[in-house]
Amino acid sequence: MNFLEILNQQPYGIAELSADEGRYLFFNKKEQQIRNLSDSEMNTVSLFDLFPPDEADQLRAIFTQCLAASEGQEFSFKYQADDHAYQMLLSRSSNNTILTTLTDISPLQGLEKRYQQDQATIKCLNDAVIGANIGCWDFYPQEGKIIANKTWVTQKKYRDEDFRVNDQIFSEVIDGLERWSTIVHPDDLEPTFEIIDQHLRGETEVYDAKFRMKFGDGEWHWIHDVGRVFLRDEQGNAIRMNGVHIDITEAQKLEEKVEKLAVTDSLTGLMNRRNFNYLFDAVYERAKRQRTFFCLLLIDVDHFKAYNDTYGHVKGDKVLQKISKALKKNIRHGEDYCFRVGGEEFAVIFTEGEKEAAEALSKRIKDEVESLKIPHENNTAADVVTVSMGLCCTNDMFDSDQLTTIYKHSDKLLYKAKEAGRNALFVE
């Protein structure tokens, strides 16, 4: 293959032109194809004649620059023709002719326009995120690396330059996961790591945690941390996880005030029946909005009267207090609620994305009560204190009187658990 054949196979135009008149001294096939001229036209035309006057003047000026520049120094000329965008690169040869390459850059211009649009969209989103005081993060668990936006830092009242390697919209957090761990409350660190690990293992659809973080002003604030793994390798190992930090401190304070104002059971510290109706409606409406299962779990201590008759009311009260702690331990605080609705009867109202998850939570509570190993010699179900349960889970939302309907379902299931020998969970 000779040199001319090689030039003709190039995907861009190649030409040599006279410096004074801009006439073709050489051109390859791609140059002729882009210009759309016959052989005779290519041999007689001046390049300047192929452009409108203003562009022709620009091109002449570039020719002049080329002649004044050192050999090989390139100059660029971009123009539009027939809905295409082109770029010419021009330089002076050793013979004082003008060498050019001509490329169709329409695809690149489209990408550049898309890039500019994307950057504008990112800026709008970032402005919204800043306005809402939301910290955004990327987590790479295999490296322990965290990449975050500026608000992730300033939200916590720290200086951005002390936490991130640069001031780009997203930048790496210095020391990543280790740095994050230093500002999470010590009591919340291990439980939060467990929630993270569960999600990384694929056991939960969404990572959802609430924990305290020490802000730059020295105060502890509550953070709602929500995210999801978006990239895994072929073995299913998590590679990348994205999420947001939302400061919910004020909401937590408000909830604490509501809890203090709410009527609670003095013995167990749980809310009592008087507050049950209000929170039932609130959680029910949340389930409707989020299209999740609304769940009501009724719990009854097995043969509790016999326990009091045998061991006395003081020990009976302690049993109720221990069961209350087991309930509190297993619910998501701020989202699920537990009550003492009668002497030895408890209730939990909560939501779950899957019915199986609600059943698992209920079974965990039942097993934990039994694991307390509180002796109960008059319990027909076991030789320790146990509970019977009725769990109603529904995503069929009723238009009216849902409390009565769902409560009756749960109560019937609780009755079936007792009939079946107690220390049992019946689910619908």
Protein backbone atom coordinates (compact mmCIF):
# COMPACT_ATOMS: atom_id res chain seq x y z
CA MET A 1 0.00 0.00 0.00
CA ASN A 2 1.51 3.33 -1.06
CA PHE A 3 1.40 6.60 0.87
CA LEU A 4 -1.49 8.04 -1.19
CA GLU A 5 -3.68 5.01 -0.48
CA ILE A 6 -3.00 5.43 3.23
CA LEU A 7 -4.06 9.09 3.12
CA ASN A 8 -7.22 8.21 1.20
CA GLN A 9 -8.25 5.71 3.87
CA GLN A 10 -8.13 8.26 6.69
CA PRO A 11 -11.51 9.11 8.32
CA TYR A 12 -10.81 12.86 8.12
CA GLY A 13 -10.01 15.29 5.31
CA ILE A 14 -6.36 16.01 4.53
CA ALA A 15 -5.29 18.83 2.21
CA GLU A 16 -2.42 21.09 1.17
CA LEU A 17 -3.34 24.59 -0.03
CA SER A 18 -1.52 27.56 -1.45
CA ALA A 19 -0.98 30.25 1.18
CA ASP A 20 -1.97 33.17 -1.06
CA GLU A 21 -5.14 32.02 -2.85
CA GLY A 22 -6.12 29.01 -0.75
CA ARG A 23 -6.21 26.68 -3.77
CA TYR A 24 -5.90 22.91 -3.42
CA LEU A 25 -2.44 21.51 -4.14
CA PHE A 26 -3.44 18.12 -2.69
CA PHE A 27 -6.57 16.57 -1.19
CA ASN A 28 -7.58 13.07 -0.09
CA LYS A 29 -10.93 11.40 -0.78
CA LYS A 30 -12.45 12.36 2.60
CA GLU A 31 -11.66 16.05 1.96
CA GLN A 32 -13.41 15.88 -1.40
CA GLN A 33 -16.36 13.99 0.09
CA ILE A 34 -16.90 16.59 2.83
CA ARG A 35 -16.54 19.50 0.37
CA ASN A 36 -18.91 17.69 -2.06
CA LEU A 37 -17.06 18.92 -5.16
CA SER A 38 -16.06 17.25 -8.42
CA ASP A 39 -12.42 16.64 -9.36
CA SER A 40 -12.37 19.69 -11.66
CA GLU A 41 -13.98 21.89 -9.02
CA MET A 42 -11.47 20.76 -6.39
CA ASN A 43 -8.61 21.64 -8.76
CA THR A 44 -9.89 25.14 -9.51
CA VAL A 45 -11.78 26.35 -6.44
CA SER A 46 -10.36 28.64 -3.75
CA LEU A 47 -11.11 27.43 -0.22
CA PHE A 48 -12.14 30.99 0.68
CA ASP A 49 -14.91 30.85 -1.96
CA LEU A 50 -16.58 27.96 -0.09
CA PHE A 51 -17.51 30.17 2.87
CA PRO A 52 -19.67 33.24 3.47
CA PRO A 53 -17.69 36.51 3.47
CA ASP A 54 -17.32 36.82 7.25
CA GLU A 55 -16.08 33.22 7.67
CA ALA A 56 -13.82 33.60 4.61
CA ASP A 57 -12.22 36.63 6.28
CA GLN A 58 -11.65 34.62 9.47
CA LEU A 59 -10.02 31.85 7.44
CA ARG A 60 -7.73 34.31 5.60
CA ALA A 61 -6.65 35.73 8.96
CA ILE A 62 -5.77 32.20 10.15
CA PHE A 63 -3.75 31.60 6.98
CA THR A 64 -1.80 34.77 7.81
CA GLN A 65 -1.23 33.54 11.39
CA CYS A 66 0.01 30.19 10.09
CA LEU A 67 2.57 31.86 7.81
CA ALA A 68 3.86 33.97 10.70
CA ALA A 69 4.03 31.01 13.10
CA SER A 70 6.66 28.33 13.40
CA GLU A 71 6.37 25.21 11.31
CA GLY A 72 3.85 22.71 12.72
CA GLN A 73 2.06 25.15 15.07
CA GLU A 74 -1.69 24.46 14.75
CA PHE A 75 -4.62 26.84 14.51
CA SER A 76 -8.28 25.85 14.72
CA PHE A 77 -11.23 26.98 12.60
CA LYS A 78 -14.75 25.71 13.38
CA TYR A 79 -17.84 26.20 11.22
CA GLN A 80 -21.32 24.85 10.49
CA ALA A 81 -22.48 23.45 7.12
CA ASP A 82 -25.48 21.32 6.13
CA ASP A 83 -26.50 20.69 9.77
CA HIS A 84 -22.99 19.46 10.57
CA ALA A 85 -20.24 20.97 12.65
CA TYR A 86 -16.66 20.82 11.35
CA GLN A 87 -13.23 21.63 12.68
CA MET A 88 -10.20 22.48 10.53
CA LEU A 89 -6.73 22.33 12.01
CA LEU A 90 -4.26 24.42 10.00
CA SER A 91 -0.45 24.67 10.10
CA ARG A 92 2.42 25.91 7.88
CA SER A 93 4.57 23.42 5.99
CA SER A 94 8.29 23.77 5.37
CA ASN A 95 7.39 24.93 1.82
CA ASN A 96 5.20 27.75 3.19
CA THR A 97 2.00 26.02 2.06
CA ILE A 98 -0.96 25.46 4.40
CA LEU A 99 -1.62 21.93 5.62
CA THR A 100 -5.12 21.16 6.92
CA THR A 101 -7.08 18.33 8.49
CA LEU A 102 -10.89 18.46 8.41
CA THR A 103 -13.08 16.56 10.90
CA ASP A 104 -16.84 16.25 11.35
CA ILE A 105 -17.26 17.09 15.06
CA SER A 106 -21.08 16.97 15.14
CA PRO A 107 -21.16 13.98 17.53
CA LEU A 108 -18.68 15.70 19.84
CA GLN A 109 -20.71 18.91 19.79
CA GLY A 110 -23.82 16.91 20.67
CA LEU A 111 -21.99 15.36 23.59
CA GLU A 112 -20.66 18.74 24.67
CA LYS A 113 -24.16 20.22 24.53
CA ARG A 114 -25.51 17.27 26.51
CA TYR A 115 -22.66 17.68 29.00
CA GLN A 116 -23.47 21.37 29.44
CA GLN A 117 -27.16 20.53 29.92
CA ASP A 118 -26.26 17.84 32.44
CA GLN A 119 -24.00 20.26 34.29
CA ALA A 120 -26.82 22.80 34.41
CA THR A 121 -29.18 20.12 35.76
CA ILE A 122 -26.62 19.03 38.35
CA LYS A 123 -26.20 22.65 39.44
CA CYS A 124 -29.98 23.06 39.82
CA LEU A 125 -30.18 19.86 41.85
CA ASN A 126 -27.19 20.90 43.93
CA ASP A 127 -28.76 24.30 44.61
CA ALA A 128 -31.95 22.54 45.74
CA VAL A 129 -29.94 20.17 47.95
CA ILE A 130 -28.05 23.08 49.51
CA GLY A 131 -31.32 24.93 50.10
CA ALA A 132 -32.81 21.87 51.79
CA ASN A 133 -29.61 21.31 53.82
CA ILE A 134 -29.26 17.72 52.58
CA GLY A 135 -25.88 16.02 52.62
CA CYS A 136 -25.34 13.66 49.66
CA TRP A 137 -22.79 10.85 49.72
CA ASP A 138 -21.28 8.00 47.73
CA PHE A 139 -19.79 5.12 49.70
CA TYR A 140 -17.30 2.60 48.27
CA PRO A 141 -17.31 -0.14 50.95
CA GLN A 142 -14.41 -2.16 49.56
CA GLU A 143 -12.15 0.88 49.94
CA GLY A 144 -13.86 2.59 52.88
CA LYS A 145 -14.03 5.68 50.67
CA ILE A 146 -16.74 8.34 50.98
CA ILE A 147 -17.40 11.01 48.37
CA ALA A 148 -19.73 13.79 49.48
CA ASN A 149 -21.11 17.18 48.57
CA LYS A 150 -20.21 20.32 50.49
CA THR A 151 -23.50 20.30 52.42
CA TRP A 152 -22.59 16.90 53.87
CA VAL A 153 -19.90 18.82 55.78
CA THR A 154 -21.43 22.26 56.35
CA GLN A 155 -24.69 20.69 57.50
CA LYS A 156 -22.70 19.44 60.46
CA LYS A 157 -21.17 22.87 61.09
CA TYR A 158 -17.64 21.89 60.06
CA ARG A 159 -15.34 23.68 57.61
CA ASP A 160 -15.44 22.11 54.18
CA GLU A 161 -11.66 22.33 53.73
CA ASP A 162 -11.15 20.31 56.94
CA PHE A 163 -13.21 17.39 55.64
CA ARG A 164 -12.99 17.20 51.81
CA VAL A 165 -9.96 17.10 49.54
CA ASN A 166 -11.28 19.91 47.28
CA ASP A 167 -14.29 22.18 46.76
CA GLN A 168 -15.86 20.41 43.76
CA ILE A 169 -19.59 19.61 43.88
CA PHE A 170 -18.62 16.07 44.93
CA SER A 171 -15.27 15.41 46.54
CA GLU A 172 -13.61 12.67 48.59
CA VAL A 173 -13.93 12.88 52.37
CA ILE A 174 -10.50 12.78 54.02
CA ASP A 175 -10.00 9.34 55.67
CA GLY A 176 -13.51 8.33 54.52
CA LEU A 177 -15.33 5.83 56.74
CA GLU A 178 -12.80 6.23 59.55
CA ARG A 179 -13.48 9.98 59.70
CA TRP A 180 -17.25 9.41 59.64
CA SER A 181 -16.89 6.98 62.56
CA THR A 182 -15.18 9.60 64.72
CA ILE A 183 -18.23 11.88 64.77
CA VAL A 184 -20.95 9.22 65.19
CA HIS A 185 -22.13 8.78 68.78
CA PRO A 186 -20.32 5.78 70.33
CA ASP A 187 -23.63 4.22 71.42
CA ASP A 188 -24.98 4.42 67.87
CA LEU A 189 -21.88 3.27 65.98
CA GLU A 190 -22.20 -0.51 66.33
CA PRO A 191 -25.98 -0.65 65.63
CA THR A 192 -25.49 1.58 62.57
CA PHE A 193 -22.65 -0.59 61.25
CA GLU A 194 -24.93 -3.60 61.60
CA ILE A 195 -27.65 -1.88 59.55
CA ILE A 196 -25.05 -0.97 56.90
CA ASP A 197 -23.71 -4.54 56.80
CA GLN A 198 -27.21 -5.99 56.48
CA HIS A 199 -27.83 -3.83 53.43
CA LEU A 200 -24.40 -4.54 51.91
CA ARG A 201 -25.17 -8.27 52.26
CA GLY A 202 -28.40 -7.71 50.37
CA GLU A 203 -30.68 -8.49 53.31
CA THR A 204 -32.58 -5.18 53.04
CA GLU A 205 -33.81 -3.28 49.98
CA VAL A 206 -32.94 0.10 51.47
CA TYR A 207 -30.36 1.23 54.02
CA ASP A 208 -32.26 3.29 56.62
CA ALA A 209 -30.64 4.39 59.89
CA LYS A 210 -30.98 7.11 62.50
CA PHE A 211 -28.04 8.03 64.68
CA ARG A 212 -26.44 10.92 66.51
CA MET A 213 -23.46 12.84 65.15
CA LYS A 214 -21.29 15.39 66.92
CA PHE A 215 -21.48 18.68 65.04
CA GLY A 216 -18.79 21.31 64.83
CA ASP A 217 -20.58 23.36 67.50
CA GLY A 218 -20.06 20.51 69.98
CA GLU A 219 -23.74 19.53 70.02
CA TRP A 220 -25.14 16.08 69.23
CA HIS A 221 -27.62 16.11 66.35
CA TRP A 222 -29.85 13.35 65.00
CA ILE A 223 -29.17 12.30 61.40
CA HIS A 224 -31.54 10.28 59.24
CA ASP A 225 -29.27 8.36 56.86
CA VAL A 226 -30.98 6.74 53.87
CA GLY A 227 -29.28 5.03 50.94
CA ARG A 228 -29.02 2.06 48.64
CA VAL A 229 -26.41 -0.10 46.91
CA PHE A 230 -26.49 0.75 43.21
CA LEU A 231 -23.54 -1.30 41.98
CA ARG A 232 -22.37 -4.83 42.76
CA ASP A 233 -19.69 -7.01 41.19
CA GLU A 234 -20.31 -10.38 39.53
CA GLN A 235 -20.12 -12.12 42.92
CA GLY A 236 -22.77 -9.80 44.36
CA ASN A 237 -20.35 -7.81 46.52
CA ALA A 238 -21.35 -4.18 46.96
CA ILE A 239 -19.11 -1.75 45.07
CA ARG A 240 -20.97 1.55 45.35
CA MET A 241 -23.71 2.86 47.62
CA ASN A 242 -25.44 6.26 47.44
CA GLY A 243 -27.52 8.14 49.95
CA VAL A 244 -28.36 11.30 51.86
CA HIS A 245 -27.98 12.75 55.34
CA ILE A 246 -30.92 14.71 56.72
CA ASP A 247 -30.69 16.56 60.03
CA ILE A 248 -33.83 15.51 61.94
CA THR A 249 -32.84 16.98 65.29
CA GLU A 250 -35.78 19.39 65.45
CA ALA A 251 -38.19 16.62 64.47
CA GLN A 252 -36.72 14.40 67.19
CA LYS A 253 -37.12 17.19 69.77
CA LEU A 254 -40.72 17.67 68.69
CA GLU A 255 -41.35 13.96 68.95
CA GLU A 256 -39.86 13.94 72.44
CA LYS A 257 -42.18 16.76 73.44
CA VAL A 258 -45.14 14.88 72.00
CA GLU A 259 -44.10 11.77 73.91
CA LYS A 260 -43.85 13.73 77.15
CA LEU A 261 -47.23 15.30 76.59
CA ALA A 262 -48.82 12.01 75.56
CA VAL A 263 -50.58 9.98 78.18
CA THR A 264 -48.28 7.13 79.16
CA ASP A 265 -48.57 4.12 81.38
CA SER A 266 -46.82 4.98 84.64
CA LEU A 267 -45.71 1.40 85.30
CA THR A 268 -44.13 0.52 81.95
CA GLY A 269 -43.47 3.91 80.38
CA LEU A 270 -45.36 2.80 77.26
CA MET A 271 -48.17 4.86 75.81
CA ASN A 272 -51.56 3.71 76.94
CA ARG A 273 -54.90 3.13 75.24
CA ARG A 274 -55.86 6.82 75.33
CA ASN A 275 -53.06 7.65 72.87
CA PHE A 276 -53.58 4.49 70.83
CA ASN A 277 -56.35 5.84 68.59
CA TYR A 278 -54.46 8.98 67.54
CA LEU A 279 -51.25 7.17 66.62
CA PHE A 280 -53.17 4.33 64.97
CA ASP A 281 -54.64 6.84 62.51
CA ALA A 282 -51.26 8.52 61.91
CA VAL A 283 -49.45 5.27 61.14
CA TYR A 284 -52.39 4.03 59.06
CA GLU A 285 -52.25 7.18 56.91
CA ARG A 286 -48.50 6.80 56.52
CA ALA A 287 -48.98 3.23 55.30
CA LYS A 288 -51.50 4.47 52.73
CA ARG A 289 -49.10 7.14 51.46
CA GLN A 290 -46.12 4.80 51.28
CA ARG A 291 -48.16 1.83 49.98
CA THR A 292 -46.79 -0.45 52.67
CA PHE A 293 -48.43 -2.97 54.98
CA PHE A 294 -50.14 -1.56 58.06
CA CYS A 295 -49.62 -3.95 60.97
CA LEU A 296 -51.32 -4.30 64.34
CA LEU A 297 -49.81 -6.79 66.79
CA LEU A 298 -51.81 -7.64 69.94
CA ILE A 299 -49.87 -9.34 72.76
CA ASP A 300 -51.21 -11.02 75.87
CA VAL A 301 -49.12 -12.42 78.75
CA ASP A 302 -50.04 -16.07 79.18
CA HIS A 303 -51.84 -16.89 82.46
CA PHE A 304 -50.82 -13.59 84.01
CA LYS A 305 -53.50 -13.76 86.74
CA ALA A 306 -52.07 -17.11 87.82
CA TYR A 307 -48.61 -15.52 87.88
CA ASN A 308 -49.80 -12.74 90.19
CA ASP A 309 -51.60 -15.22 92.43
CA THR A 310 -48.43 -17.33 92.72
CA TYR A 311 -45.64 -14.75 92.86
CA GLY A 312 -47.42 -11.58 93.94
CA HIS A 313 -48.27 -8.30 92.22
CA VAL A 314 -44.86 -6.72 92.77
CA LYS A 315 -43.16 -9.44 90.71
CA GLY A 316 -46.06 -9.26 88.26
CA ASP A 317 -45.33 -5.56 87.71
CA LYS A 318 -41.67 -6.37 87.07
CA VAL A 319 -42.74 -8.90 84.41
CA LEU A 320 -44.75 -6.20 82.63
CA GLN A 321 -41.78 -3.83 82.78
CA LYS A 322 -39.42 -6.44 81.29
CA ILE A 323 -41.85 -7.22 78.48
CA SER A 324 -42.17 -3.47 77.79
CA LYS A 325 -38.39 -3.21 77.42
CA ALA A 326 -38.42 -6.12 74.98
CA LEU A 327 -41.02 -4.28 72.89
CA LYS A 328 -39.07 -1.01 72.90
CA LYS A 329 -35.88 -2.82 71.96
CA ASN A 330 -37.36 -4.35 68.82
CA ILE A 331 -39.28 -1.44 67.28
CA ARG A 332 -37.97 1.40 65.11
CA HIS A 333 -38.21 4.42 67.37
CA GLY A 334 -40.01 7.34 65.81
CA GLU A 335 -41.76 5.13 63.24
CA ASP A 336 -43.40 2.30 65.19
CA TYR A 337 -45.28 2.52 68.49
CA CYS A 338 -46.02 0.17 71.35
CA PHE A 339 -48.71 0.45 74.01
CA ARG A 340 -50.00 -1.14 77.16
CA VAL A 341 -53.69 -1.33 76.30
CA GLY A 342 -54.86 -3.35 79.27
CA GLY A 343 -53.67 -5.10 82.42
CA GLU A 344 -51.42 -7.69 80.72
CA GLU A 345 -52.24 -6.79 77.13
CA PHE A 346 -49.90 -4.87 74.81
CA ALA A 347 -50.16 -3.61 71.25
CA VAL A 348 -47.66 -2.60 68.57
CA ILE A 349 -48.60 -0.61 65.47
CA PHE A 350 -46.06 -0.44 62.66
CA THR A 351 -45.53 -0.61 58.91
CA GLU A 352 -43.51 -2.99 56.78
CA GLY A 353 -42.79 -3.35 53.08
CA GLU A 354 -43.30 -7.12 53.24
CA LYS A 355 -45.70 -9.20 55.33
CA GLU A 356 -42.89 -11.67 56.08
CA ALA A 357 -40.87 -8.88 57.74
CA ALA A 358 -43.79 -8.04 60.04
CA GLU A 359 -44.12 -11.68 61.00
CA ALA A 360 -40.37 -11.91 61.67
CA LEU A 361 -40.51 -8.86 63.96
CA SER A 362 -43.44 -10.32 65.90
CA LYS A 363 -41.74 -13.69 66.30
CA ARG A 364 -38.58 -11.96 67.49
CA ILE A 365 -40.55 -10.22 70.25
CA LYS A 366 -42.23 -13.48 71.26
CA ASP A 367 -38.91 -15.35 71.39
CA GLU A 368 -37.22 -12.57 73.33
CA VAL A 369 -39.93 -12.63 76.03
CA GLU A 370 -39.45 -16.39 76.39
CA SER A 371 -35.65 -15.94 76.46
CA LEU A 372 -36.02 -13.77 79.58
CA LYS A 373 -36.58 -17.10 81.37
CA ILE A 374 -38.85 -15.66 84.04
CA PRO A 375 -40.10 -18.68 86.03
CA HIS A 376 -43.88 -19.31 85.77
CA GLU A 377 -44.84 -22.67 87.23
CA ASN A 378 -48.56 -22.24 86.45
CA ASN A 379 -48.07 -21.51 82.76
CA THR A 380 -49.50 -24.37 80.69
CA ALA A 381 -47.44 -23.33 77.64
CA ALA A 382 -44.00 -23.45 79.28
CA ASP A 383 -42.31 -23.23 82.67
CA VAL A 384 -41.38 -19.59 82.00
CA VAL A 385 -43.36 -16.43 81.18
CA THR A 386 -44.58 -16.45 77.57
CA VAL A 387 -46.92 -14.40 75.40
CA SER A 388 -49.61 -15.12 72.83
CA MET A 389 -49.94 -12.89 69.78
CA GLY A 390 -52.33 -11.94 67.02
CA LEU A 391 -50.87 -10.06 64.04
CA CYS A 392 -53.01 -8.43 61.38
CA CYS A 393 -51.12 -7.07 58.32
CA THR A 394 -53.04 -5.37 55.55
CA ASN A 395 -52.49 -3.21 52.51
CA ASP A 396 -56.20 -3.21 51.68
CA MET A 397 -57.01 0.23 53.00
CA PHE A 398 -60.53 0.73 54.33
CA ASP A 399 -62.40 3.97 53.77
CA SER A 400 -63.83 4.17 57.27
CA ASP A 401 -63.73 2.58 60.73
CA GLN A 402 -60.43 0.90 59.96
CA LEU A 403 -59.48 0.84 63.65
CA THR A 404 -62.45 -1.31 64.61
CA THR A 405 -62.03 -3.64 61.63
CA ILE A 406 -58.31 -4.23 62.05
CA TYR A 407 -58.50 -4.47 65.84
CA LYS A 408 -61.19 -7.16 65.58
CA HIS A 409 -59.03 -9.16 63.16
CA SER A 410 -56.01 -8.99 65.48
CA ASP A 411 -58.13 -9.85 68.52
CA LYS A 412 -59.53 -12.95 66.79
CA LEU A 413 -56.03 -14.05 65.89
CA LEU A 414 -54.91 -13.53 69.49
CA TYR A 415 -57.83 -15.67 70.66
CA LYS A 416 -56.78 -18.43 68.21
CA ALA A 417 -53.24 -18.30 69.61
CA LYS A 418 -54.63 -18.85 73.11
CA GLU A 419 -56.88 -21.68 71.95
CA ALA A 420 -53.90 -23.33 70.25
CA GLY A 421 -52.10 -23.69 73.57
CA ARG A 422 -50.62 -20.18 74.01
CA ASN A 423 -47.00 -19.07 73.48
CA ALA A 424 -47.99 -18.78 69.84
CA LEU A 425 -48.26 -16.24 67.03
CA PHE A 426 -51.19 -16.24 64.61
CA VAL A 427 -50.94 -14.07 61.52
CA GLU A 428 -53.37 -12.80 58.90
